[in-house]
């Protein structure tokens, strides 16, 4: 027995609405004495590619954008919207993944389990990102700001954060010795992050919403490797990558089309 279309729509809308709020609200549990804050878990032995602490404040506008998306897509008028039907279950999957990540991290769960959850989150977001950007020139103004923008912002930050998390786990487990080896590894990881971002910016037809959090994170890496633990090679690589991404963004081809809701 298959689920009828209306039930699928309601499930999609409800899941996105609930978990767009839940992914933020669960981060407040440590303030209530439940679990340990993610920031406290990350202190000590940070990888060189981890941005300075204040760079993570970007989560607040991202959470706000995701909540705006959750509310918008839950409106009765959006129940039959084609682009939301195409991407809605994937965004719901990403929000559930972020909620799960916070709960596991705050309860002291396995670092490698957290990496697996991050892979789940990124896969869900990329599915939505590619579908949204494929129809970018057909999105309405509301869909651009309330669907494309939140998904792109989250995808940009997660695509960089997953590499930071991998570096943190490898360093904590002793696979990356502190010193020259870590510096070389960090430079190579930043180059990988840059190449991935170039591809996704171009695939997204010059998607500034995606590019901004990546550039922001790279600038955070620059500051961290100047102030927190001076590593000129890492700071220079991150800075050049940020500048180069800005150039890629400005030079990326863009498509133009009349706004029209995707069928």
Foldseek 3Di string as FASTA:
>chain_A
DDDDLLVVLQVLLVLLQVLLVLLVVLQCVVVVVQFAHLVVLCPDQFALLFFAPVLVVVVVVLSVLSNLLSVVCNDPVNSPFDLCVQQRVLSSQLSVLSSVLRVCSRHVHDLVVSLVSLVSNLVSLVSSQLSCLVCVQAADPCCVRRPNLSSLLVNLQSLSVSLSSVLSVCVVVPVQDPDPSSLVVLLVSLVVSLVVLLVSCLSSQLDVSNLVSNLSSLCSSLCCCVPVPPDVSNNVSSNVSSVVSVVSSVPHHHDHHDHHGDD
